[in-house]
PDB file of N, CA and C in Angstrom:
ATOM      1  N   UNK A   1     116.243  88.956  74.822  1.00  0.00           N
ATOM      2  CA  UNK A   1     115.274  89.812  75.220  1.00  0.00           C
ATOM      3  C   UNK A   1     114.753  89.607  76.091  1.00  0.00           C
ATOM      4  N   UNK A   2     114.066  89.666  77.348  1.00  0.00           N
ATOM      5  CA  UNK A   2     113.406  88.767  78.715  1.00  0.00           C
ATOM      6  C   UNK A   2     112.471  88.441  78.120  1.00  0.00           C
ATOM      7  N   UNK A   3     111.464  86.998  78.091  1.00  0.00           N
ATOM      8  CA  UNK A   3     110.361  87.069  78.517  1.00  0.00           C
ATOM      9  C   UNK A   3     109.105  88.170  79.855  1.00  0.00           C
ATOM     10  N   UNK A   4     109.241  88.699  79.918  1.00  0.00           N
ATOM     11  CA  UNK A   4     108.376  89.219  80.833  1.00  0.00           C
ATOM     12  C   UNK A   4     107.325  89.980  80.810  1.00  0.00           C
ATOM     13  N   UNK A   5     106.267  88.751  81.921  1.00  0.00           N
ATOM     14  CA  UNK A   5     105.114  87.938  81.324  1.00  0.00           C
ATOM     15  C   UNK A   5     104.468  89.333  83.312  1.00  0.00           C
ATOM     16  N   UNK A   6     103.367  90.513  83.233  1.00  0.00           N
ATOM     17  CA  UNK A   6     103.248  90.994  84.629  1.00  0.00           C
ATOM     18  C   UNK A   6     101.808  90.394  84.735  1.00  0.00           C
ATOM     19  N   UNK A   7     101.311  89.864  85.786  1.00  0.00           N
ATOM     20  CA  UNK A   7     100.181  89.019  86.157  1.00  0.00           C
ATOM     21  C   UNK A   7      99.157  90.310  87.470  1.00  0.00           C
ATOM     22  N   UNK A   8      98.007  90.533  87.531  1.00  0.00           N
ATOM     23  CA  UNK A   8      97.411  91.862  87.604  1.00  0.00           C
ATOM     24  C   UNK A   8      95.851  91.198  87.816  1.00  0.00           C
ATOM     25  N   UNK A   9      95.295  92.581  88.443  1.00  0.00           N
ATOM     26  CA  UNK A   9      93.577  92.104  88.385  1.00  0.00           C
ATOM     27  C   UNK A   9      93.921  93.593  87.834  1.00  0.00           C
ATOM     28  N   UNK A  10      92.207  93.870  88.454  1.00  0.00           N
ATOM     29  CA  UNK A  10      91.781  95.427  87.971  1.00  0.00           C
ATOM     30  C   UNK A  10      91.343  95.686  89.235  1.00  0.00           C
ATOM     31  N   UNK A  11      91.633  96.841  89.641  1.00  0.00           N
ATOM     32  CA  UNK A  11      91.954  98.158  90.205  1.00  0.00           C
ATOM     33  C   UNK A  11      92.154  97.684  90.535  1.00  0.00           C
ATOM     34  N   UNK A  12      94.004  97.778  90.644  1.00  0.00           N
ATOM     35  CA  UNK A  12      94.465  97.785  91.057  1.00  0.00           C
ATOM     36  C   UNK A  12      96.338  98.314  91.280  1.00  0.00           C
ATOM     37  N   UNK A  13      95.950  98.903  91.766  1.00  0.00           N
ATOM     38  CA  UNK A  13      96.341 100.039  91.595  1.00  0.00           C
ATOM     39  C   UNK A  13      98.620 100.281  91.907  1.00  0.00           C
ATOM     40  N   UNK A  14      99.259  99.254  92.807  1.00  0.00           N
ATOM     41  CA  UNK A  14     100.212  98.391  92.400  1.00  0.00           C
ATOM     42  C   UNK A  14     100.826  97.943  91.310  1.00  0.00           C
ATOM     43  N   UNK A  15      99.635  97.485  89.966  1.00  0.00           N
ATOM     44  CA  UNK A  15      99.692  96.394  89.100  1.00  0.00           C
ATOM     45  C   UNK A  15     100.669  98.105  88.426  1.00  0.00           C
ATOM     46  N   UNK A  16      99.213  99.105  87.938  1.00  0.00           N
ATOM     47  CA  UNK A  16      99.387 100.355  87.410  1.00  0.00           C
ATOM     48  C   UNK A  16     100.373 100.565  87.966  1.00  0.00           C
ATOM     49  N   UNK A  17     101.068 100.732  88.698  1.00  0.00           N
ATOM     50  CA  UNK A  17     101.975 101.230  89.279  1.00  0.00           C
ATOM     51  C   UNK A  17     103.122 100.633  88.495  1.00  0.00           C
ATOM     52  N   UNK A  18     102.887  99.252  88.975  1.00  0.00           N
ATOM     53  CA  UNK A  18     104.280  98.253  88.347  1.00  0.00           C
ATOM     54  C   UNK A  18     103.889  98.412  86.256  1.00  0.00           C
ATOM     55  N   UNK A  19     103.606  98.294  85.610  1.00  0.00           N
ATOM     56  CA  UNK A  19     103.294  98.339  84.403  1.00  0.00           C
ATOM     57  C   UNK A  19     104.392 100.218  84.117  1.00  0.00           C
ATOM     58  N   UNK A  20     103.549 101.009  84.553  1.00  0.00           N
ATOM     59  CA  UNK A  20     104.811 101.941  84.184  1.00  0.00           C
ATOM     60  C   UNK A  20     105.846 102.139  84.629  1.00  0.00           C
ATOM     61  N   UNK A  21     106.051 101.224  85.186  1.00  0.00           N
ATOM     62  CA  UNK A  21     107.721 101.482  86.312  1.00  0.00           C
ATOM     63  C   UNK A  21     108.685 100.652  84.785  1.00  0.00           C
ATOM     64  N   UNK A  22     107.493  99.596  84.960  1.00  0.00           N
ATOM     65  CA  UNK A  22     108.578  98.576  83.538  1.00  0.00           C
ATOM     66  C   UNK A  22     108.452  98.584  82.050  1.00  0.00           C
ATOM     67  N   UNK A  23     107.154 100.157  81.855  1.00  0.00           N
ATOM     68  CA  UNK A  23     107.389 101.282  80.541  1.00  0.00           C
ATOM     69  C   UNK A  23     108.912 102.266  80.545  1.00  0.00           C
ATOM     70  N   UNK A  24     108.954 102.942  81.944  1.00  0.00           N
ATOM     71  CA  UNK A  24     109.744 104.255  81.865  1.00  0.00           C
ATOM     72  C   UNK A  24     111.077 103.368  82.082  1.00  0.00           C
ATOM     73  N   UNK A  25     110.997 101.387  81.806  1.00  0.00           N
ATOM     74  CA  UNK A  25     112.961 100.649  81.849  1.00  0.00           C
ATOM     75  C   UNK A  25     112.667 100.643  80.536  1.00  0.00           C
ATOM     76  N   UNK A  26     111.704 100.544  79.359  1.00  0.00           N
ATOM     77  CA  UNK A  26     112.017 100.244  78.843  1.00  0.00           C
ATOM     78  C   UNK A  26     111.843  99.454  77.917  1.00  0.00           C
ATOM     79  N   UNK A  27     111.036  98.026  78.820  1.00  0.00           N
ATOM     80  CA  UNK A  27     111.141  96.698  78.405  1.00  0.00           C
ATOM     81  C   UNK A  27     109.616  96.503  77.927  1.00  0.00           C
ATOM     82  N   UNK A  28     109.616  95.739  77.411  1.00  0.00           N
ATOM     83  CA  UNK A  28     108.248  94.979  76.534  1.00  0.00           C
ATOM     84  C   UNK A  28     107.903  94.091  77.301  1.00  0.00           C
ATOM     85  N   UNK A  29     106.644  93.564  77.930  1.00  0.00           N
ATOM     86  CA  UNK A  29     106.329  93.015  79.251  1.00  0.00           C
ATOM     87  C   UNK A  29     104.529  91.990  78.255  1.00  0.00           C
ATOM     88  N   UNK A  30     104.577  91.124  78.655  1.00  0.00           N
ATOM     89  CA  UNK A  30     102.877  90.698  78.469  1.00  0.00           C
ATOM     90  C   UNK A  30     102.008  90.578  79.594  1.00  0.00           C
ATOM     91  N   UNK A  31     100.486  91.555  79.558  1.00  0.00           N
ATOM     92  CA  UNK A  31     100.163  91.275  81.190  1.00  0.00           C
ATOM     93  C   UNK A  31      98.398  90.287  80.510  1.00  0.00           C
ATOM     94  N   UNK A  32      98.709  89.509  81.892  1.00  0.00           N
ATOM     95  CA  UNK A  32      97.419  88.345  82.089  1.00  0.00           C
ATOM     96  C   UNK A  32      97.008  88.945  83.385  1.00  0.00           C
ATOM     97  N   UNK A  33      95.522  89.384  83.224  1.00  0.00           N
ATOM     98  CA  UNK A  33      94.944  89.957  84.135  1.00  0.00           C
ATOM     99  C   UNK A  33      93.290  88.706  84.895  1.00  0.00           C
ATOM    100  N   UNK A  34      93.595  88.187  85.875  1.00  0.00           N
ATOM    101  CA  UNK A  34      93.414  87.412  86.402  1.00  0.00           C
ATOM    102  C   UNK A  34      91.964  88.062  87.451  1.00  0.00           C
ATOM    103  N   UNK A  35      91.893  88.793  87.000  1.00  0.00           N
ATOM    104  CA  UNK A  35      90.505  89.508  87.828  1.00  0.00           C
ATOM    105  C   UNK A  35      89.104  88.363  87.543  1.00  0.00           C
ATOM    106  N   UNK A  36      88.637  88.083  86.533  1.00  0.00           N
ATOM    107  CA  UNK A  36      87.820  87.136  85.796  1.00  0.00           C
ATOM    108  C   UNK A  36      88.464  85.486  85.978  1.00  0.00           C
ATOM    109  N   UNK A  37      88.992  85.077  86.958  1.00  0.00           N
ATOM    110  CA  UNK A  37      90.002  83.912  86.272  1.00  0.00           C
ATOM    111  C   UNK A  37      90.544  82.991  87.743  1.00  0.00           C
ATOM    112  N   UNK A  38      89.304  82.497  88.184  1.00  0.00           N
ATOM    113  CA  UNK A  38      90.262  82.535  89.738  1.00  0.00           C
ATOM    114  C   UNK A  38      90.829  81.153  90.032  1.00  0.00           C
ATOM    115  N   UNK A  39      90.392  80.297  88.599  1.00  0.00           N
ATOM    116  CA  UNK A  39      91.534  79.169  89.139  1.00  0.00           C
ATOM    117  C   UNK A  39      92.851  79.717  88.520  1.00  0.00           C
ATOM    118  N   UNK A  40      93.070  80.219  87.484  1.00  0.00           N
ATOM    119  CA  UNK A  40      94.121  80.955  86.587  1.00  0.00           C
ATOM    120  C   UNK A  40      94.845  81.341  88.510  1.00  0.00           C
ATOM    121  N   UNK A  41      94.051  81.965  89.088  1.00  0.00           N
ATOM    122  CA  UNK A  41      95.261  82.629  90.633  1.00  0.00           C
ATOM    123  C   UNK A  41      95.217  81.378  91.364  1.00  0.00           C
ATOM    124  N   UNK A  42      94.656  80.705  91.553  1.00  0.00           N
ATOM    125  CA  UNK A  42      94.734  79.273  92.305  1.00  0.00           C
ATOM    126  C   UNK A  42      96.086  78.713  91.220  1.00  0.00           C
ATOM    127  N   UNK A  43      96.555  78.640  90.029  1.00  0.00           N
ATOM    128  CA  UNK A  43      97.434  78.014  89.216  1.00  0.00           C
ATOM    129  C   UNK A  43      98.394  79.229  89.486  1.00  0.00           C
ATOM    130  N   UNK A  44      99.234  80.349  89.290  1.00  0.00           N
ATOM    131  CA  UNK A  44      99.432  80.716  90.066  1.00  0.00           C
ATOM    132  C   UNK A  44     100.210  81.015  91.719  1.00  0.00           C
ATOM    133  N   UNK A  45      99.327  81.446  92.091  1.00  0.00           N
ATOM    134  CA  UNK A  45      99.655  80.936  93.289  1.00  0.00           C
ATOM    135  C   UNK A  45     100.643  79.239  93.604  1.00  0.00           C
ATOM    136  N   UNK A  46     100.163  78.890  93.139  1.00  0.00           N
ATOM    137  CA  UNK A  46     100.815  77.101  93.167  1.00  0.00           C
ATOM    138  C   UNK A  46     101.975  77.574  92.825  1.00  0.00           C
ATOM    139  N   UNK A  47     102.629  78.434  92.050  1.00  0.00           N
ATOM    140  CA  UNK A  47     103.799  78.005  91.370  1.00  0.00           C
ATOM    141  C   UNK A  47     104.550  79.114  92.251  1.00  0.00           C
ATOM    142  N   UNK A  48     103.909  80.382  92.653  1.00  0.00           N
ATOM    143  CA  UNK A  48     104.672  81.186  92.966  1.00  0.00           C
ATOM    144  C   UNK A  48     104.661  81.007  94.368  1.00  0.00           C
ATOM    145  N   UNK A  49     103.934  81.065  94.684  1.00  0.00           N
ATOM    146  CA  UNK A  49     103.152  80.646  97.048  1.00  0.00           C
ATOM    147  C   UNK A  49     103.114  82.099  97.019  1.00  0.00           C
ATOM    148  N   UNK A  50     102.893  82.666  96.172  1.00  0.00           N
ATOM    149  CA  UNK A  50     101.914  84.257  96.051  1.00  0.00           C
ATOM    150  C   UNK A  50     101.284  84.027  95.735  1.00  0.00           C
ATOM    151  N   UNK A  51     100.032  84.843  97.236  1.00  0.00           N
ATOM    152  CA  UNK A  51      98.596  85.118  96.947  1.00  0.00           C
ATOM    153  C   UNK A  51      98.204  86.630  96.122  1.00  0.00           C
ATOM    154  N   UNK A  52      99.160  87.618  96.371  1.00  0.00           N
ATOM    155  CA  UNK A  52      99.162  88.963  95.923  1.00  0.00           C
ATOM    156  C   UNK A  52      99.428  89.537  94.528  1.00  0.00           C
ATOM    157  N   UNK A  53      98.602  90.899  94.498  1.00  0.00           N
ATOM    158  CA  UNK A  53      99.170  90.952  92.984  1.00  0.00           C
ATOM    159  C   UNK A  53      99.418  93.150  92.779  1.00  0.00           C
ATOM    160  N   UNK A  54     100.438  93.256  92.203  1.00  0.00           N
ATOM    161  CA  UNK A  54     100.757  92.198  90.843  1.00  0.00           C
ATOM    162  C   UNK A  54     101.882  91.782  90.718  1.00  0.00           C
ATOM    163  N   UNK A  55     102.591  90.256  90.373  1.00  0.00           N
ATOM    164  CA  UNK A  55     103.253  89.889  90.546  1.00  0.00           C
ATOM    165  C   UNK A  55     104.344  89.843  89.101  1.00  0.00           C
ATOM    166  N   UNK A  56     105.183  89.746  89.149  1.00  0.00           N
ATOM    167  CA  UNK A  56     106.159  89.857  88.124  1.00  0.00           C
ATOM    168  C   UNK A  56     107.186  89.125  87.581  1.00  0.00           C
ATOM    169  N   UNK A  57     107.390  88.034  86.231  1.00  0.00           N
ATOM    170  CA  UNK A  57     108.061  86.999  86.084  1.00  0.00           C
ATOM    171  C   UNK A  57     108.485  87.384  84.916  1.00  0.00           C
ATOM    172  N   UNK A  58     109.998  86.863  85.404  1.00  0.00           N
ATOM    173  CA  UNK A  58     111.116  87.377  84.422  1.00  0.00           C
ATOM    174  C   UNK A  58     111.717  86.332  84.293  1.00  0.00           C
ATOM    175  N   UNK A  59     111.417  85.461  83.085  1.00  0.00           N
ATOM    176  CA  UNK A  59     112.242  84.287  81.936  1.00  0.00           C
ATOM    177  C   UNK A  59     111.439  82.894  82.870  1.00  0.00           C
ATOM    178  N   UNK A  60     110.617  83.781  84.017  1.00  0.00           N
ATOM    179  CA  UNK A  60     110.476  82.592  84.315  1.00  0.00           C
ATOM    180  C   UNK A  60     110.462  82.391  85.722  1.00  0.00           C
ATOM    181  N   UNK A  61     111.097  83.277  86.428  1.00  0.00           N
ATOM    182  CA  UNK A  61     111.572  83.128  87.510  1.00  0.00           C
ATOM    183  C   UNK A  61     110.863  83.914  88.167  1.00  0.00           C
ATOM    184  N   UNK A  62     109.867  84.133  89.253  1.00  0.00           N
ATOM    185  CA  UNK A  62     109.457  85.573  89.634  1.00  0.00           C
ATOM    186  C   UNK A  62     110.200  86.259  90.852  1.00  0.00           C
ATOM    187  N   UNK A  63     109.950  87.482  90.451  1.00  0.00           N
ATOM    188  CA  UNK A  63     110.930  89.007  90.346  1.00  0.00           C
ATOM    189  C   UNK A  63     110.661  89.501  91.741  1.00  0.00           C
ATOM    190  N   UNK A  64     109.729  89.421  91.296  1.00  0.00           N
ATOM    191  CA  UNK A  64     108.016  90.205  92.683  1.00  0.00           C
ATOM    192  C   UNK A  64     107.252  90.771  92.465  1.00  0.00           C
ATOM    193  N   UNK A  65     106.696  92.027  93.398  1.00  0.00           N
ATOM    194  CA  UNK A  65     105.820  92.649  92.835  1.00  0.00           C
ATOM    195  C   UNK A  65     106.194  94.178  92.582  1.00  0.00           C
ATOM    196  N   UNK A  66     105.805  94.920  93.059  1.00  0.00           N
ATOM    197  CA  UNK A  66     106.169  96.816  92.874  1.00  0.00           C
ATOM    198  C   UNK A  66     107.713  96.632  93.831  1.00  0.00           C
ATOM    199  N   UNK A  67     106.551  96.420  94.437  1.00  0.00           N
ATOM    200  CA  UNK A  67     107.694  97.232  95.670  1.00  0.00           C
ATOM    201  C   UNK A  67     109.278  95.841  95.524  1.00  0.00           C
ATOM    202  N   UNK A  68     109.758  95.255  95.025  1.00  0.00           N
ATOM    203  CA  UNK A  68     110.657  94.434  94.339  1.00  0.00           C
ATOM    204  C   UNK A  68     110.694  94.627  93.227  1.00  0.00           C
ATOM    205  N   UNK A  69     110.413  95.064  92.557  1.00  0.00           N
ATOM    206  CA  UNK A  69     110.364  95.438  90.865  1.00  0.00           C
ATOM    207  C   UNK A  69     111.498  97.403  91.594  1.00  0.00           C
ATOM    208  N   UNK A  70     110.623  97.975  91.872  1.00  0.00           N
ATOM    209  CA  UNK A  70     110.913  98.875  92.103  1.00  0.00           C
ATOM    210  C   UNK A  70     112.497  99.157  92.735  1.00  0.00           C
ATOM    211  N   UNK A  71     112.738  98.296  94.083  1.00  0.00           N
ATOM    212  CA  UNK A  71     113.641  98.010  94.334  1.00  0.00           C
ATOM    213  C   UNK A  71     114.618  97.609  93.544  1.00  0.00           C
ATOM    214  N   UNK A  72     114.697  96.468  92.613  1.00  0.00           N
ATOM    215  CA  UNK A  72     115.330  96.158  91.945  1.00  0.00           C
ATOM    216  C   UNK A  72     116.082  97.535  90.745  1.00  0.00           C
ATOM    217  N   UNK A  73     115.205  98.322  90.250  1.00  0.00           N
ATOM    218  CA  UNK A  73     115.584  99.348  89.602  1.00  0.00           C
ATOM    219  C   UNK A  73     116.608 100.589  90.306  1.00  0.00           C
ATOM    220  N   UNK A  74     116.413 100.760  91.712  1.00  0.00           N
ATOM    221  CA  UNK A  74     116.834 101.550  92.413  1.00  0.00           C
ATOM    222  C   UNK A  74     118.453 101.703  92.767  1.00  0.00           C
ATOM    223  N   UNK A  75     117.853  99.345  92.822  1.00  0.00           N
ATOM    224  CA  UNK A  75     119.717  99.879  93.009  1.00  0.00           C
ATOM    225  C   UNK A  75     120.327  99.267  91.946  1.00  0.00           C
ATOM    226  N   UNK A  76     120.270  99.080  90.303  1.00  0.00           N
ATOM    227  CA  UNK A  76     120.504  99.065  89.174  1.00  0.00           C
ATOM    228  C   UNK A  76     120.478  97.708  88.996  1.00  0.00           C
ATOM    229  N   UNK A  77     120.389  96.733  89.371  1.00  0.00           N
ATOM    230  CA  UNK A  77     120.093  95.098  89.580  1.00  0.00           C
ATOM    231  C   UNK A  77     118.924  94.865  88.991  1.00  0.00           C
ATOM    232  N   UNK A  78     117.798  96.244  87.966  1.00  0.00           N
ATOM    233  CA  UNK A  78     116.983  95.303  87.667  1.00  0.00           C
ATOM    234  C   UNK A  78     117.590  95.474  85.982  1.00  0.00           C
ATOM    235  N   UNK A  79     118.454  96.247  85.720  1.00  0.00           N
ATOM    236  CA  UNK A  79     119.139  96.778  84.808  1.00  0.00           C
ATOM    237  C   UNK A  79     119.650  94.632  83.974  1.00  0.00           C
ATOM    238  N   UNK A  80     120.654  93.890  85.160  1.00  0.00           N
ATOM    239  CA  UNK A  80     121.426  92.400  84.498  1.00  0.00           C
ATOM    240  C   UNK A  80     120.522  91.242  84.928  1.00  0.00           C
ATOM    241  N   UNK A  81     119.175  91.531  85.136  1.00  0.00           N
ATOM    242  CA  UNK A  81     118.008  90.576  85.803  1.00  0.00           C
ATOM    243  C   UNK A  81     117.436  90.492  84.373  1.00  0.00           C
ATOM    244  N   UNK A  82     116.474  92.182  83.408  1.00  0.00           N
ATOM    245  CA  UNK A  82     116.520  92.037  82.082  1.00  0.00           C
ATOM    246  C   UNK A  82     117.310  92.360  81.157  1.00  0.00           C
ATOM    247  N   UNK A  83     117.640  91.244  80.256  1.00  0.00           N
ATOM    248  CA  UNK A  83     118.268  91.527  78.513  1.00  0.00           C
ATOM    249  C   UNK A  83     116.909  92.210  77.747  1.00  0.00           C
ATOM    250  N   UNK A  84     117.351  93.586  76.728  1.00  0.00           N
ATOM    251  CA  UNK A  84     116.862  94.094  76.634  1.00  0.00           C
ATOM    252  C   UNK A  84     117.010  94.078  75.310  1.00  0.00           C
TER     253      UNK A  84
END
């Protein structure tokens, strides 16, 4: 099974949407809410080079945000990225 982590913030509609999309695909994921963790945000930005949310990490690699996950699902590429 793939290790999937979704980094989110509160009141983020794309965060809510990406979690719904992942649930619809039947995958389990861990959520890390960085709303009140500025140090965590900076560490994540250093690691991924991205400041926006959500950020979906699959097996230690950045898949992207909502648009990238949605595109991967629609193209069928998502199934190859995620081991269920």
